[in-house]
Structure formats: C-alpha cells, structure tokens
Amino acid sequence: MGPITEVVMQRVSRHFGSTVALKGVDASFGAGQITSLEGPNGSGKSTLLGILGTILLPTRGEVVYGSKGVDPSEVRAQIGWLSHETHCYPDLTPRANLQLAASLYDVEVAAWEPAARRFGVSAFAERTFRRLSRGQRQRVALARAMIHAPSLLLLDEPTNGLDADGVERLVVAISEEAGRGCIVVLVTHDAALAERVAARRLYLDRGRLRDAPA
C-alpha cells in the first residue's frame, strides 16, 4: 500500500451532543511537513487529531487522504499514532510490545531493535511495561508509533513525561520522519518544541482553526 502524500480537511465539524468541538475546519497537510496544533485545553486539538487518525468521524465535512480518498480502511495501516494512552500491554515487556506492533503492521519483528535504540528503550526492554516510569512508557509508545515507518504521524502531547534526553531523541525522530516524506502533526502546549520542529504552527480556539500567533 502506497504512502499518504496529502491530507485535506474540508469544512470539518464535530459535535458531541450539544457541544461543538470543531467548527468548519479547512486545512491541508503535505508530505514532509511538520505542523503543530496549539491552543487552550478544550479547544478541539485532540478531536481534530482523532479525526485525522480516523478514530473519530466528522459530524459534517470530510477528510481526503490524497489518492486514497475518504475511506478510513484504506489509510489506517499508514498512520502512526501517539495518544494519551500508550496502547501498550502492561504485562508485556517493551520488547514484546514492539514486536507485537511490528507483526500487526506486517513489519519484520527485528524492527523492534532499531525502534528501541531510537528512543533509548534498550536499557529496560526486558522489564514489564507496568513497572516502567511515566517517561519510559512514553519512549516505548513513541517507538511503537513509528515502528512501521508511517506516512502520517499523529502525536498528542509527545513530550509528556520525557526528560531532556527523551525530548532530544523525539526532536531528532520527528525531523527524520519528515525528512523521508512523512506528514507529521503534533498537538502540543510546548511552544519551544513547536518553534524547534514545526514548519507551520496552527492554533485552535473554541473549535476554529487559524495560524498560531507570532
């Protein structure tokens, strides 16, 4: 299956009952581009990311994934996802979690090793996941999200729990992913991170999208 080369949101709105989380959002994301989504809590950032990741469906409007169209089943294998949940099994080791992720994406199981090295996971790869610190869990989750070389990478607050070394590894990884043509969209409250890595910074306020303030 070929990569996603562009994602276009067309007049996307999302309602949760009487609450309007997104209001007529138009946006496009291109290959090799890093975009940050910023804004206050409750502004719709995670909702927008969930719609890009096909976890949520728009109430109105649509998302077009280049030549793949609008069918979520056509694009999910190309998406790398980091949410507030790690999506790792607590009773497995980091090694086993990464090997499982590789097999689910039809990637060589041996891919777990470079993924682990990339985020400094090797030192605790045989420890049960539930025994890891918050920052160690985040490193494993990041490795898991990128193990299959996705063409659309969605990161929700990726620096949560990371120490300085973890943040530096993340910055390098994001840049490398964009360098090979991946579309990267990250939700962050970390303005310094956005300034370092994002070619474009967008701001959500009460469900409406605009350029981030200078």
N, C-alpha and C. Protein backbone atom coordinates (compact mmCIF):
# COMPACT_ATOMS: atom_id res chain seq x y z
N MET A 1 0.85 -1.20 0.00
CA MET A 1 0.00 0.00 0.00
C MET A 1 0.88 1.24 0.00
N GLY A 2 0.63 2.16 -0.92
CA GLY A 2 1.45 3.35 -1.04
C GLY A 2 1.22 4.35 0.07
N PRO A 3 2.11 5.32 0.20
CA PRO A 3 2.01 6.29 1.29
C PRO A 3 0.90 7.31 1.08
N ILE A 4 0.52 7.94 2.16
CA ILE A 4 -0.39 9.10 2.10
C ILE A 4 0.48 10.31 1.79
N THR A 5 0.20 11.00 0.71
CA THR A 5 1.03 12.13 0.30
C THR A 5 0.41 13.49 0.65
N GLU A 6 -0.87 13.50 0.98
CA GLU A 6 -1.54 14.75 1.36
C GLU A 6 -2.82 14.41 2.11
N VAL A 7 -3.13 15.25 3.08
CA VAL A 7 -4.40 15.12 3.80
C VAL A 7 -5.10 16.47 3.75
N VAL A 8 -6.36 16.47 3.33
CA VAL A 8 -7.13 17.70 3.21
C VAL A 8 -8.41 17.58 4.02
N MET A 9 -8.59 18.50 4.97
CA MET A 9 -9.83 18.59 5.74
C MET A 9 -10.73 19.64 5.08
N GLN A 10 -11.95 19.26 4.79
CA GLN A 10 -12.87 20.14 4.07
C GLN A 10 -14.10 20.41 4.92
N ARG A 11 -14.17 21.62 5.47
CA ARG A 11 -15.33 22.09 6.25
C ARG A 11 -15.72 21.07 7.33
N VAL A 12 -14.73 20.63 8.08
CA VAL A 12 -14.95 19.59 9.09
C VAL A 12 -15.49 20.18 10.38
N SER A 13 -16.63 19.66 10.81
CA SER A 13 -17.20 19.99 12.12
C SER A 13 -17.40 18.70 12.90
N ARG A 14 -17.34 18.83 14.22
CA ARG A 14 -17.58 17.67 15.07
C ARG A 14 -18.37 18.12 16.29
N HIS A 15 -19.51 17.44 16.49
CA HIS A 15 -20.38 17.73 17.64
C HIS A 15 -20.37 16.54 18.59
N PHE A 16 -20.38 16.83 19.88
CA PHE A 16 -20.61 15.82 20.91
C PHE A 16 -21.88 16.24 21.65
N GLY A 17 -23.01 15.71 21.20
CA GLY A 17 -24.27 16.19 21.73
C GLY A 17 -24.45 17.65 21.38
N SER A 18 -24.67 18.49 22.39
CA SER A 18 -24.86 19.92 22.16
C SER A 18 -23.53 20.68 22.12
N THR A 19 -22.43 19.99 22.39
CA THR A 19 -21.12 20.64 22.38
C THR A 19 -20.50 20.58 21.00
N VAL A 20 -20.08 21.72 20.49
CA VAL A 20 -19.44 21.80 19.18
C VAL A 20 -17.93 21.87 19.41
N ALA A 21 -17.23 20.78 19.06
CA ALA A 21 -15.79 20.72 19.30
C ALA A 21 -14.99 21.33 18.15
N LEU A 22 -15.46 21.16 16.91
CA LEU A 22 -14.81 21.75 15.74
C LEU A 22 -15.87 22.43 14.89
N LYS A 23 -15.50 23.57 14.30
CA LYS A 23 -16.44 24.36 13.53
C LYS A 23 -15.89 24.66 12.14
N GLY A 24 -16.29 23.88 11.16
CA GLY A 24 -15.97 24.17 9.76
C GLY A 24 -14.48 24.31 9.48
N VAL A 25 -13.69 23.36 9.92
CA VAL A 25 -12.23 23.44 9.77
C VAL A 25 -11.81 23.06 8.34
N ASP A 26 -11.05 23.95 7.73
CA ASP A 26 -10.39 23.68 6.45
C ASP A 26 -8.89 23.68 6.70
N ALA A 27 -8.21 22.62 6.28
CA ALA A 27 -6.75 22.55 6.46
C ALA A 27 -6.19 21.50 5.53
N SER A 28 -4.93 21.68 5.16
CA SER A 28 -4.24 20.66 4.36
C SER A 28 -2.87 20.41 4.96
N PHE A 29 -2.41 19.18 4.82
CA PHE A 29 -1.13 18.75 5.38
C PHE A 29 -0.39 17.97 4.30
N GLY A 30 0.84 18.39 4.00
CA GLY A 30 1.56 17.79 2.89
C GLY A 30 2.73 16.93 3.32
N ALA A 31 3.21 16.10 2.42
CA ALA A 31 4.32 15.19 2.68
C ALA A 31 5.56 15.97 3.10
N GLY A 32 6.23 15.47 4.15
CA GLY A 32 7.44 16.10 4.64
C GLY A 32 7.22 17.33 5.49
N GLN A 33 5.98 17.66 5.77
CA GLN A 33 5.66 18.88 6.53
C GLN A 33 5.37 18.53 7.99
N ILE A 34 5.93 19.33 8.90
CA ILE A 34 5.65 19.20 10.33
C ILE A 34 4.75 20.36 10.74
N THR A 35 3.58 20.02 11.28
CA THR A 35 2.60 21.03 11.71
C THR A 35 2.30 20.85 13.18
N SER A 36 2.35 21.94 13.93
CA SER A 36 1.94 21.88 15.33
C SER A 36 0.52 22.42 15.46
N LEU A 37 -0.24 21.80 16.36
CA LEU A 37 -1.58 22.27 16.72
C LEU A 37 -1.52 22.74 18.16
N GLU A 38 -1.77 24.02 18.35
CA GLU A 38 -1.68 24.61 19.68
C GLU A 38 -3.02 25.22 20.06
N GLY A 39 -3.15 25.56 21.34
CA GLY A 39 -4.39 26.15 21.81
C GLY A 39 -4.71 25.70 23.21
N PRO A 40 -5.67 26.36 23.86
CA PRO A 40 -6.01 26.02 25.25
C PRO A 40 -6.69 24.67 25.37
N ASN A 41 -6.75 24.15 26.58
CA ASN A 41 -7.49 22.92 26.84
C ASN A 41 -8.94 23.09 26.42
N GLY A 42 -9.49 22.05 25.79
CA GLY A 42 -10.88 22.11 25.37
C GLY A 42 -11.12 22.83 24.06
N SER A 43 -10.04 23.19 23.36
CA SER A 43 -10.20 23.95 22.12
C SER A 43 -10.49 23.07 20.90
N GLY A 44 -10.32 21.73 21.06
CA GLY A 44 -10.61 20.83 19.95
C GLY A 44 -9.40 20.17 19.33
N LYS A 45 -8.22 20.34 19.94
CA LYS A 45 -6.99 19.81 19.34
C LYS A 45 -7.02 18.29 19.24
N SER A 46 -7.32 17.61 20.33
CA SER A 46 -7.33 16.14 20.31
C SER A 46 -8.45 15.61 19.43
N THR A 47 -9.56 16.35 19.37
CA THR A 47 -10.65 15.95 18.48
C THR A 47 -10.20 16.01 17.02
N LEU A 48 -9.52 17.10 16.67
CA LEU A 48 -9.02 17.23 15.29
C LEU A 48 -8.03 16.10 14.97
N LEU A 49 -7.14 15.81 15.92
CA LEU A 49 -6.17 14.73 15.70
C LEU A 49 -6.88 13.39 15.55
N GLY A 50 -7.91 13.17 16.37
CA GLY A 50 -8.67 11.93 16.28
C GLY A 50 -9.37 11.76 14.95
N ILE A 51 -9.85 12.85 14.38
CA ILE A 51 -10.48 12.79 13.07
C ILE A 51 -9.44 12.51 11.99
N LEU A 52 -8.28 13.16 12.06
CA LEU A 52 -7.21 12.85 11.11
C LEU A 52 -6.81 11.39 11.19
N GLY A 53 -6.83 10.83 12.40
CA GLY A 53 -6.43 9.45 12.59
C GLY A 53 -7.52 8.43 12.38
N THR A 54 -8.68 8.86 11.93
CA THR A 54 -9.85 8.01 11.63
C THR A 54 -10.45 7.37 12.88
N ILE A 55 -10.05 7.84 14.07
CA ILE A 55 -10.63 7.33 15.31
C ILE A 55 -12.02 7.93 15.52
N LEU A 56 -12.18 9.17 15.08
CA LEU A 56 -13.47 9.87 15.12
C LEU A 56 -13.91 10.21 13.71
N LEU A 57 -15.20 10.22 13.48
CA LEU A 57 -15.75 10.65 12.20
C LEU A 57 -16.29 12.07 12.33
N PRO A 58 -16.15 12.89 11.30
CA PRO A 58 -16.72 14.23 11.35
C PRO A 58 -18.24 14.18 11.41
N THR A 59 -18.83 15.14 12.10
CA THR A 59 -20.28 15.30 12.04
C THR A 59 -20.68 15.87 10.69
N ARG A 60 -19.88 16.81 10.21
CA ARG A 60 -20.05 17.36 8.87
C ARG A 60 -18.68 17.50 8.22
N GLY A 61 -18.67 17.58 6.89
CA GLY A 61 -17.42 17.70 6.16
C GLY A 61 -16.74 16.37 5.97
N GLU A 62 -15.53 16.41 5.41
CA GLU A 62 -14.81 15.16 5.14
C GLU A 62 -13.31 15.39 5.16
N VAL A 63 -12.59 14.28 5.29
CA VAL A 63 -11.13 14.29 5.23
C VAL A 63 -10.73 13.42 4.04
N VAL A 64 -9.92 13.99 3.15
CA VAL A 64 -9.47 13.30 1.94
C VAL A 64 -7.98 13.01 2.08
N TYR A 65 -7.63 11.74 1.93
CA TYR A 65 -6.25 11.28 2.09
C TYR A 65 -5.63 11.06 0.71
N GLY A 66 -5.35 12.12 0.00
CA GLY A 66 -4.74 12.04 -1.31
C GLY A 66 -5.51 11.12 -2.24
N SER A 67 -4.79 10.29 -2.96
CA SER A 67 -5.41 9.38 -3.93
C SER A 67 -6.20 8.26 -3.25
N LYS A 68 -6.04 8.10 -1.94
CA LYS A 68 -6.75 7.04 -1.21
C LYS A 68 -8.19 7.43 -0.88
N GLY A 69 -8.51 8.70 -1.04
CA GLY A 69 -9.89 9.14 -0.84
C GLY A 69 -10.28 9.29 0.61
N VAL A 70 -11.51 8.93 0.94
CA VAL A 70 -12.07 9.21 2.27
C VAL A 70 -12.34 7.95 3.08
N ASP A 71 -12.01 6.77 2.56
CA ASP A 71 -12.30 5.51 3.25
C ASP A 71 -11.24 5.23 4.32
N PRO A 72 -11.62 5.25 5.63
CA PRO A 72 -10.63 5.02 6.68
C PRO A 72 -9.87 3.71 6.54
N SER A 73 -10.53 2.67 6.05
CA SER A 73 -9.86 1.36 5.94
C SER A 73 -8.70 1.39 4.96
N GLU A 74 -8.69 2.37 4.06
CA GLU A 74 -7.62 2.46 3.07
C GLU A 74 -6.35 3.12 3.63
N VAL A 75 -6.46 3.78 4.79
CA VAL A 75 -5.34 4.59 5.26
C VAL A 75 -4.80 4.19 6.63
N ARG A 76 -5.53 3.40 7.39
CA ARG A 76 -5.14 3.15 8.78
C ARG A 76 -3.76 2.50 8.91
N ALA A 77 -3.40 1.63 7.98
CA ALA A 77 -2.10 0.98 8.07
C ALA A 77 -0.95 1.95 7.87
N GLN A 78 -1.24 3.15 7.34
CA GLN A 78 -0.22 4.15 7.07
C GLN A 78 -0.12 5.20 8.18
N ILE A 79 -0.91 5.04 9.23
CA ILE A 79 -0.96 6.04 10.29
C ILE A 79 -0.16 5.57 11.51
N GLY A 80 0.69 6.45 12.03
CA GLY A 80 1.35 6.24 13.31
C GLY A 80 0.69 7.14 14.33
N TRP A 81 0.39 6.60 15.51
CA TRP A 81 -0.49 7.30 16.44
C TRP A 81 0.09 7.28 17.85
N LEU A 82 0.22 8.44 18.46
CA LEU A 82 0.54 8.55 19.88
C LEU A 82 -0.55 9.36 20.54
N SER A 83 -1.31 8.73 21.43
CA SER A 83 -2.36 9.44 22.15
C SER A 83 -1.99 9.52 23.62
N HIS A 84 -2.92 9.95 24.46
CA HIS A 84 -2.66 9.99 25.90
C HIS A 84 -2.58 8.57 26.48
N GLU A 85 -3.14 7.60 25.77
CA GLU A 85 -2.98 6.20 26.13
C GLU A 85 -1.79 5.63 25.36
N THR A 86 -1.03 4.74 25.99
CA THR A 86 0.18 4.22 25.34
C THR A 86 -0.12 3.14 24.30
N HIS A 87 -1.29 2.49 24.40
CA HIS A 87 -1.64 1.37 23.53
C HIS A 87 -0.62 0.23 23.65
N CYS A 88 0.00 0.12 24.82
CA CYS A 88 0.91 -0.98 25.10
C CYS A 88 0.30 -1.88 26.17
N TYR A 89 0.61 -3.16 26.09
CA TYR A 89 0.08 -4.13 27.05
C TYR A 89 0.92 -4.10 28.32
N PRO A 90 0.30 -3.85 29.48
CA PRO A 90 1.06 -3.65 30.71
C PRO A 90 1.82 -4.87 31.19
N ASP A 91 1.37 -6.07 30.85
CA ASP A 91 2.03 -7.28 31.33
C ASP A 91 3.07 -7.82 30.35
N LEU A 92 3.28 -7.13 29.24
CA LEU A 92 4.34 -7.48 28.31
C LEU A 92 5.53 -6.55 28.52
N THR A 93 6.69 -6.97 28.08
CA THR A 93 7.87 -6.11 28.12
C THR A 93 7.83 -5.12 26.96
N PRO A 94 8.62 -4.05 27.01
CA PRO A 94 8.74 -3.18 25.84
C PRO A 94 9.12 -3.94 24.58
N ARG A 95 10.07 -4.88 24.72
CA ARG A 95 10.45 -5.67 23.55
C ARG A 95 9.24 -6.40 22.97
N ALA A 96 8.46 -7.07 23.80
CA ALA A 96 7.30 -7.82 23.30
C ALA A 96 6.26 -6.89 22.72
N ASN A 97 6.04 -5.73 23.33
CA ASN A 97 5.08 -4.77 22.79
C ASN A 97 5.50 -4.28 21.41
N LEU A 98 6.78 -4.00 21.25
CA LEU A 98 7.26 -3.52 19.96
C LEU A 98 7.23 -4.63 18.91
N GLN A 99 7.57 -5.83 19.31
CA GLN A 99 7.50 -6.96 18.37
C GLN A 99 6.06 -7.20 17.93
N LEU A 100 5.13 -7.09 18.86
CA LEU A 100 3.72 -7.27 18.51
C LEU A 100 3.27 -6.19 17.54
N ALA A 101 3.65 -4.93 17.80
CA ALA A 101 3.28 -3.84 16.90
C ALA A 101 3.85 -4.08 15.51
N ALA A 102 5.10 -4.53 15.45
CA ALA A 102 5.71 -4.80 14.15
C ALA A 102 4.93 -5.86 13.39
N SER A 103 4.55 -6.93 14.08
CA SER A 103 3.82 -8.01 13.41
C SER A 103 2.44 -7.54 12.94
N LEU A 104 1.79 -6.69 13.73
CA LEU A 104 0.47 -6.19 13.34
C LEU A 104 0.54 -5.32 12.08
N TYR A 105 1.66 -4.63 11.90
CA TYR A 105 1.83 -3.79 10.72
C TYR A 105 2.58 -4.51 9.60
N ASP A 106 2.77 -5.83 9.77
CA ASP A 106 3.43 -6.65 8.75
C ASP A 106 4.85 -6.16 8.48
N VAL A 107 5.53 -5.81 9.58
CA VAL A 107 6.93 -5.38 9.52
C VAL A 107 7.77 -6.50 10.14
N GLU A 108 9.00 -6.64 9.71
CA GLU A 108 9.90 -7.62 10.30
C GLU A 108 9.97 -7.44 11.81
N VAL A 109 9.83 -8.52 12.54
CA VAL A 109 9.85 -8.44 14.01
C VAL A 109 11.15 -7.83 14.51
N ALA A 110 12.24 -8.05 13.78
CA ALA A 110 13.53 -7.50 14.18
C ALA A 110 13.54 -5.97 14.17
N ALA A 111 12.53 -5.35 13.60
CA ALA A 111 12.44 -3.88 13.58
C ALA A 111 12.33 -3.31 14.99
N TRP A 112 11.99 -4.15 15.97
CA TRP A 112 11.86 -3.64 17.33
C TRP A 112 13.19 -3.09 17.84
N GLU A 113 14.33 -3.65 17.38
CA GLU A 113 15.63 -3.24 17.90
C GLU A 113 16.01 -1.81 17.52
N PRO A 114 15.97 -1.44 16.22
CA PRO A 114 16.27 -0.04 15.90
C PRO A 114 15.23 0.93 16.47
N ALA A 115 13.97 0.50 16.57
CA ALA A 115 12.94 1.35 17.17
C ALA A 115 13.26 1.61 18.64
N ALA A 116 13.71 0.56 19.34
CA ALA A 116 14.07 0.70 20.75
C ALA A 116 15.30 1.59 20.92
N ARG A 117 16.31 1.40 20.08
CA ARG A 117 17.53 2.23 20.19
C ARG A 117 17.22 3.69 19.93
N ARG A 118 16.33 3.93 19.00
CA ARG A 118 16.00 5.31 18.62
C ARG A 118 15.53 6.13 19.81
N PHE A 119 14.79 5.49 20.71
CA PHE A 119 14.24 6.22 21.86
C PHE A 119 14.85 5.79 23.19
N GLY A 120 15.98 5.10 23.14
CA GLY A 120 16.66 4.74 24.36
C GLY A 120 15.92 3.74 25.21
N VAL A 121 15.23 2.82 24.56
CA VAL A 121 14.41 1.83 25.26
C VAL A 121 15.20 0.56 25.60
N SER A 122 16.30 0.34 24.92
CA SER A 122 17.01 -0.94 25.04
C SER A 122 17.40 -1.27 26.47
N ALA A 123 17.72 -0.26 27.28
CA ALA A 123 18.20 -0.50 28.64
C ALA A 123 17.14 -1.12 29.54
N PHE A 124 15.87 -0.93 29.21
CA PHE A 124 14.79 -1.50 30.04
C PHE A 124 13.82 -2.33 29.20
N ALA A 125 14.31 -2.86 28.09
CA ALA A 125 13.45 -3.56 27.13
C ALA A 125 12.89 -4.87 27.67
N GLU A 126 13.51 -5.45 28.70
CA GLU A 126 13.04 -6.73 29.23
C GLU A 126 12.27 -6.57 30.54
N ARG A 127 12.00 -5.35 30.93
CA ARG A 127 11.24 -5.10 32.15
C ARG A 127 9.75 -5.06 31.81
N THR A 128 8.90 -5.53 32.69
CA THR A 128 7.46 -5.49 32.43
C THR A 128 7.00 -4.04 32.28
N PHE A 129 6.19 -3.78 31.27
CA PHE A 129 5.79 -2.42 30.94
C PHE A 129 5.16 -1.71 32.15
N ARG A 130 4.36 -2.40 32.94
CA ARG A 130 3.67 -1.75 34.05
C ARG A 130 4.65 -1.27 35.12
N ARG A 131 5.88 -1.78 35.12
CA ARG A 131 6.88 -1.38 36.10
C ARG A 131 7.70 -0.18 35.65
N LEU A 132 7.45 0.31 34.46
CA LEU A 132 8.23 1.43 33.94
C LEU A 132 7.74 2.76 34.48
N SER A 133 8.63 3.74 34.47
CA SER A 133 8.24 5.11 34.83
C SER A 133 7.39 5.73 33.73
N ARG A 134 6.78 6.87 34.02
CA ARG A 134 5.97 7.56 33.02
C ARG A 134 6.79 7.91 31.78
N GLY A 135 8.00 8.40 31.99
CA GLY A 135 8.83 8.76 30.85
C GLY A 135 9.28 7.56 30.03
N GLN A 136 9.58 6.46 30.70
CA GLN A 136 9.96 5.24 29.98
C GLN A 136 8.80 4.72 29.15
N ARG A 137 7.62 4.77 29.71
CA ARG A 137 6.43 4.33 28.95
C ARG A 137 6.23 5.19 27.71
N GLN A 138 6.47 6.49 27.86
CA GLN A 138 6.30 7.38 26.71
C GLN A 138 7.31 7.05 25.62
N ARG A 139 8.51 6.71 25.99
CA ARG A 139 9.52 6.34 25.00
C ARG A 139 9.08 5.09 24.23
N VAL A 140 8.56 4.10 24.95
CA VAL A 140 8.09 2.88 24.28
C VAL A 140 6.93 3.21 23.34
N ALA A 141 6.01 4.05 23.80
CA ALA A 141 4.85 4.41 22.98
C ALA A 141 5.28 5.14 21.71
N LEU A 142 6.28 6.00 21.81
CA LEU A 142 6.79 6.70 20.63
C LEU A 142 7.44 5.71 19.66
N ALA A 143 8.23 4.80 20.20
CA ALA A 143 8.84 3.78 19.33
C ALA A 143 7.78 2.96 18.63
N ARG A 144 6.73 2.62 19.36
CA ARG A 144 5.63 1.84 18.79
C ARG A 144 4.94 2.61 17.66
N ALA A 145 4.74 3.90 17.86
CA ALA A 145 4.02 4.71 16.87
C ALA A 145 4.77 4.83 15.55
N MET A 146 6.09 4.70 15.60
CA MET A 146 6.89 4.92 14.39
C MET A 146 7.51 3.65 13.83
N ILE A 147 7.26 2.50 14.44
CA ILE A 147 7.99 1.28 14.08
C ILE A 147 7.72 0.85 12.64
N HIS A 148 6.58 1.22 12.08
CA HIS A 148 6.23 0.78 10.73
C HIS A 148 6.45 1.85 9.67
N ALA A 149 7.23 2.89 10.01
CA ALA A 149 7.53 3.98 9.07
C ALA A 149 6.24 4.53 8.45
N PRO A 150 5.35 5.09 9.27
CA PRO A 150 4.07 5.58 8.75
C PRO A 150 4.27 6.77 7.82
N SER A 151 3.28 7.02 6.99
CA SER A 151 3.34 8.21 6.14
C SER A 151 2.50 9.35 6.71
N LEU A 152 1.73 9.07 7.78
CA LEU A 152 1.02 10.10 8.53
C LEU A 152 1.25 9.82 10.00
N LEU A 153 1.95 10.72 10.68
CA LEU A 153 2.32 10.55 12.08
C LEU A 153 1.59 11.59 12.92
N LEU A 154 0.78 11.13 13.88
CA LEU A 154 -0.05 11.99 14.71
C LEU A 154 0.40 11.84 16.16
N LEU A 155 0.83 12.93 16.77
CA LEU A 155 1.41 12.90 18.10
C LEU A 155 0.64 13.85 19.02
N ASP A 156 0.06 13.31 20.07
CA ASP A 156 -0.71 14.11 21.03
C ASP A 156 0.12 14.30 22.29
N GLU A 157 0.63 15.51 22.50
CA GLU A 157 1.49 15.86 23.63
C GLU A 157 2.65 14.86 23.77
N PRO A 158 3.50 14.77 22.76
CA PRO A 158 4.54 13.73 22.76
C PRO A 158 5.62 13.91 23.81
N THR A 159 5.79 15.12 24.38
CA THR A 159 6.84 15.32 25.38
C THR A 159 6.39 14.95 26.79
N ASN A 160 5.15 14.56 26.97
CA ASN A 160 4.66 14.22 28.31
C ASN A 160 5.56 13.17 28.97
N GLY A 161 6.08 13.50 30.13
CA GLY A 161 6.87 12.56 30.90
C GLY A 161 8.32 12.43 30.47
N LEU A 162 8.71 13.05 29.37
CA LEU A 162 10.06 12.87 28.85
C LEU A 162 11.05 13.79 29.57
N ASP A 163 12.25 13.25 29.82
CA ASP A 163 13.34 14.08 30.32
C ASP A 163 14.04 14.74 29.13
N ALA A 164 15.12 15.47 29.41
CA ALA A 164 15.79 16.23 28.36
C ALA A 164 16.30 15.32 27.25
N ASP A 165 16.86 14.16 27.61
CA ASP A 165 17.34 13.22 26.60
C ASP A 165 16.20 12.70 25.74
N GLY A 166 15.06 12.39 26.38
CA GLY A 166 13.91 11.91 25.63
C GLY A 166 13.39 12.94 24.65
N VAL A 167 13.38 14.21 25.08
CA VAL A 167 12.92 15.28 24.19
C VAL A 167 13.85 15.41 23.00
N GLU A 168 15.16 15.34 23.24
CA GLU A 168 16.11 15.45 22.13
C GLU A 168 15.94 14.30 21.15
N ARG A 169 15.73 13.11 21.66
CA ARG A 169 15.50 11.96 20.77
C ARG A 169 14.22 12.16 19.96
N LEU A 170 13.20 12.71 20.60
CA LEU A 170 11.95 12.98 19.90
C LEU A 170 12.15 14.00 18.78
N VAL A 171 12.86 15.06 19.07
CA VAL A 171 13.11 16.10 18.06
C VAL A 171 13.83 15.49 16.85
N VAL A 172 14.84 14.68 17.10
CA VAL A 172 15.58 14.03 16.00
C VAL A 172 14.65 13.11 15.22
N ALA A 173 13.85 12.33 15.92
CA ALA A 173 12.96 11.37 15.25
C ALA A 173 11.93 12.08 14.39
N ILE A 174 11.32 13.14 14.91
CA ILE A 174 10.33 13.90 14.13
C ILE A 174 10.97 14.44 12.86
N SER A 175 12.16 15.00 13.00
CA SER A 175 12.85 15.55 11.83
C SER A 175 13.18 14.47 10.81
N GLU A 176 13.60 13.30 11.30
CA GLU A 176 13.92 12.19 10.40
C GLU A 176 12.66 11.70 9.68
N GLU A 177 11.56 11.60 10.41
CA GLU A 177 10.31 11.15 9.78
C GLU A 177 9.88 12.11 8.68
N ALA A 178 9.93 13.40 8.97
CA ALA A 178 9.56 14.39 7.95
C ALA A 178 10.54 14.33 6.78
N GLY A 179 11.81 14.08 7.08
CA GLY A 179 12.82 14.03 6.03
C GLY A 179 12.60 12.94 5.02
N ARG A 180 11.95 11.85 5.44
CA ARG A 180 11.67 10.77 4.48
C ARG A 180 10.29 10.94 3.84
N GLY A 181 9.61 12.08 4.12
CA GLY A 181 8.35 12.38 3.44
C GLY A 181 7.11 12.19 4.27
N CYS A 182 7.24 11.85 5.55
CA CYS A 182 6.08 11.64 6.41
C CYS A 182 5.38 12.96 6.71
N ILE A 183 4.06 12.93 6.76
CA ILE A 183 3.27 14.06 7.23
C ILE A 183 3.21 13.96 8.76
N VAL A 184 3.68 14.99 9.45
CA VAL A 184 3.72 14.97 10.91
C VAL A 184 2.82 16.06 11.46
N VAL A 185 1.89 15.68 12.33
CA VAL A 185 1.01 16.64 13.00
C VAL A 185 1.11 16.38 14.50
N LEU A 186 1.49 17.40 15.26
CA LEU A 186 1.62 17.20 16.70
C LEU A 186 0.83 18.23 17.47
N VAL A 187 0.10 17.74 18.46
CA VAL A 187 -0.59 18.60 19.43
C VAL A 187 0.38 18.85 20.57
N THR A 188 0.56 20.11 20.93
CA THR A 188 1.50 20.41 22.00
C THR A 188 1.15 21.73 22.68
N HIS A 189 1.42 21.76 24.00
CA HIS A 189 1.40 23.02 24.75
C HIS A 189 2.81 23.59 24.87
N ASP A 190 3.78 22.86 24.34
CA ASP A 190 5.18 23.23 24.46
C ASP A 190 5.57 24.13 23.29
N ALA A 191 5.51 25.45 23.51
CA ALA A 191 5.81 26.39 22.43
C ALA A 191 7.25 26.26 21.96
N ALA A 192 8.16 25.94 22.87
CA ALA A 192 9.57 25.80 22.48
C ALA A 192 9.74 24.63 21.51
N LEU A 193 9.03 23.52 21.77
CA LEU A 193 9.11 22.38 20.86
C LEU A 193 8.54 22.77 19.50
N ALA A 194 7.39 23.43 19.49
CA ALA A 194 6.78 23.83 18.23
C ALA A 194 7.70 24.72 17.42
N GLU A 195 8.36 25.66 18.10
CA GLU A 195 9.28 26.55 17.41
C GLU A 195 10.46 25.80 16.81
N ARG A 196 10.91 24.75 17.50
CA ARG A 196 12.07 23.99 17.03
C ARG A 196 11.76 23.13 15.82
N VAL A 197 10.60 22.48 15.82
CA VAL A 197 10.39 21.43 14.81
C VAL A 197 9.34 21.77 13.75
N ALA A 198 8.41 22.66 14.03
CA ALA A 198 7.26 22.83 13.14
C ALA A 198 7.51 23.88 12.07
N ALA A 199 7.31 23.49 10.82
CA ALA A 199 7.38 24.45 9.72
C ALA A 199 6.14 25.33 9.69
N ARG A 200 5.04 24.79 10.23
CA ARG A 200 3.79 25.54 10.29
C ARG A 200 3.15 25.32 11.64
N ARG A 201 2.68 26.42 12.25
CA ARG A 201 2.04 26.35 13.56
C ARG A 201 0.61 26.85 13.43
N LEU A 202 -0.34 25.98 13.81
CA LEU A 202 -1.75 26.32 13.77
C LEU A 202 -2.30 26.41 15.19
N TYR A 203 -3.36 27.20 15.33
CA TYR A 203 -3.93 27.47 16.65
C TYR A 203 -5.44 27.22 16.61
N LEU A 204 -5.90 26.43 17.57
CA LEU A 204 -7.34 26.17 17.69
C LEU A 204 -7.89 26.93 18.88
N ASP A 205 -9.00 27.60 18.66
CA ASP A 205 -9.66 28.33 19.74
C ASP A 205 -11.16 28.14 19.58
N ARG A 206 -11.76 27.44 20.54
CA ARG A 206 -13.20 27.17 20.52
C ARG A 206 -13.64 26.55 19.19
N GLY A 207 -12.81 25.61 18.71
CA GLY A 207 -13.18 24.83 17.54
C GLY A 207 -12.86 25.45 16.22
N ARG A 208 -12.29 26.63 16.21
CA ARG A 208 -11.93 27.29 14.95
C ARG A 208 -10.42 27.33 14.78
N LEU A 209 -9.97 27.10 13.58
CA LEU A 209 -8.55 26.95 13.30
C LEU A 209 -8.00 28.20 12.60
N ARG A 210 -6.82 28.64 13.05
CA ARG A 210 -6.13 29.77 12.42
C ARG A 210 -4.64 29.59 12.62
N ASP A 211 -3.85 30.46 12.00
CA ASP A 211 -2.41 30.43 12.23
C ASP A 211 -2.13 30.79 13.69
N ALA A 212 -1.10 30.16 14.24
CA ALA A 212 -0.73 30.45 15.62
C ALA A 212 -0.20 31.89 15.72
N PRO A 213 -0.47 32.56 16.83
CA PRO A 213 0.05 33.93 16.99
C PRO A 213 1.56 33.93 17.04
N ALA A 214 2.15 34.98 16.52
CA ALA A 214 3.62 35.09 16.50
C ALA A 214 4.15 35.31 17.91
